[in-house]
């Protein structure tokens, strides 16, 4: 190991004695201590370029001065008083901003939560209450959270579901469009959206469309491996929803707030969702989420259908308001698009160098690097992902993987070009070390990941 992580290892040992293993998916023994911009410092004082942005929760970077000031100023005034019974100014101001920046030329309202998980539960409640229908359709490979409702609509990990059933009834899943591994055996040029036939067949065989309340979709599948569907697919799915009185809901928890080169990833596809679920970067890492929906949908439930004592926390709301200001003032949406294109071109060059890079995909600072054992069979190469991520950490870069074989590239939107270049040197070196057999198998005992 090229870095001294003695203090980190001691903390990890203490962690193992008191923290439940079911609450963590480890990649390497990193104990975060400090952060600024796109740099994280561990307990031993080592610095790392961050290509994860705290799982997409810190788009404005770590400890942005404007966000920090908003938090500290509000903390000195009022930490919290439950908005379930009373009102607070920051919560109202934030709701007004969310209504303005989210897509949709119709009257909207907001319902706050504490995490993307509980806001996905809120989506289920709203869809069922408004439509009077019970069935919800989600996608295979989707991750929507870890509450009972959000686990029910997720379809990513058996360990999320083992031993805790039964989950919510009337939840169904369809295949997410994966153009790299098309289940219909089509190429992009010859695609006629055959993958949507699966939904049509289910509608004609065992899922009555008139009983479906909503279809919930990640416009860009995050934990499924940064899968970007064809624009015509999303538009056709939206049409199917409208034709059958089904609500079209989108999960923007991971992809929102500039990550995809748009304020929200659904804006890349030209449709206006009925319900949007927001989280993660909404408040630069502070615990907060929200559902933004058509007014008539969000008013279909009455109190106390979705109330929590600490929702709309003034500190979190001030952090979120500052986050929106930073994204606007620093033009981070366009920065994400430009830096993402630059980074994508760098990975395309590496693809020519390393045959195990099967696909480079994504939009904005939101890329998935699909590693395969064979470019023809496209067999997933988890071992390569695990070892490369571990070696990158040893060299000073925080990078993880998901979908068993896809490198997750989601740095803070404030990352500099110099930091991107340094990170790419590290990735190149880590990949070469993998090719040369310099990364021991023992790494696989630590780098578990998704």
Foldseek 3Di string as FASTA:
>chain_A
DQDDCPVLVVVVVVCVVPPDPVVDQFQDSFAFDAWFFQWTAGPVGAIFGEQCLVVQQAQVTGPDVLLVVLLVVVVVVDFDFFVVPPDDDLLVVLQVVVQVQADDPADKGKDKDFAQQVVLVVVQVLLCLLLVARAEEEAACAQRDQDLNRLLQYHNDVVSPPPDDDGDPRYYYAHDQAQLPGPVPDHPVPDPPPSCVVVVVCCVPPDVLLRARAYEYACQGALLFRGHDPLVNVVVVVVVCVVSVHFYEYEQANPACQQQLGNGSCVVNPDHGQKYKYHRHLQSHGRMIMMMGHPSSSVSDDPPPDGDRCTPGSSSSSSNVSSNVSCVVVVLSNLQQVVCVVLLVLVVVVCVVDVQQQDWDGGGQWIKGFGAPHNVVSHGDLVLQSQLQVQLVSVRYHWHHHSSHIITRGTRSSDDPVSSVVSSVSSSVSNVCVVVVNGDPVSCVRRRGD
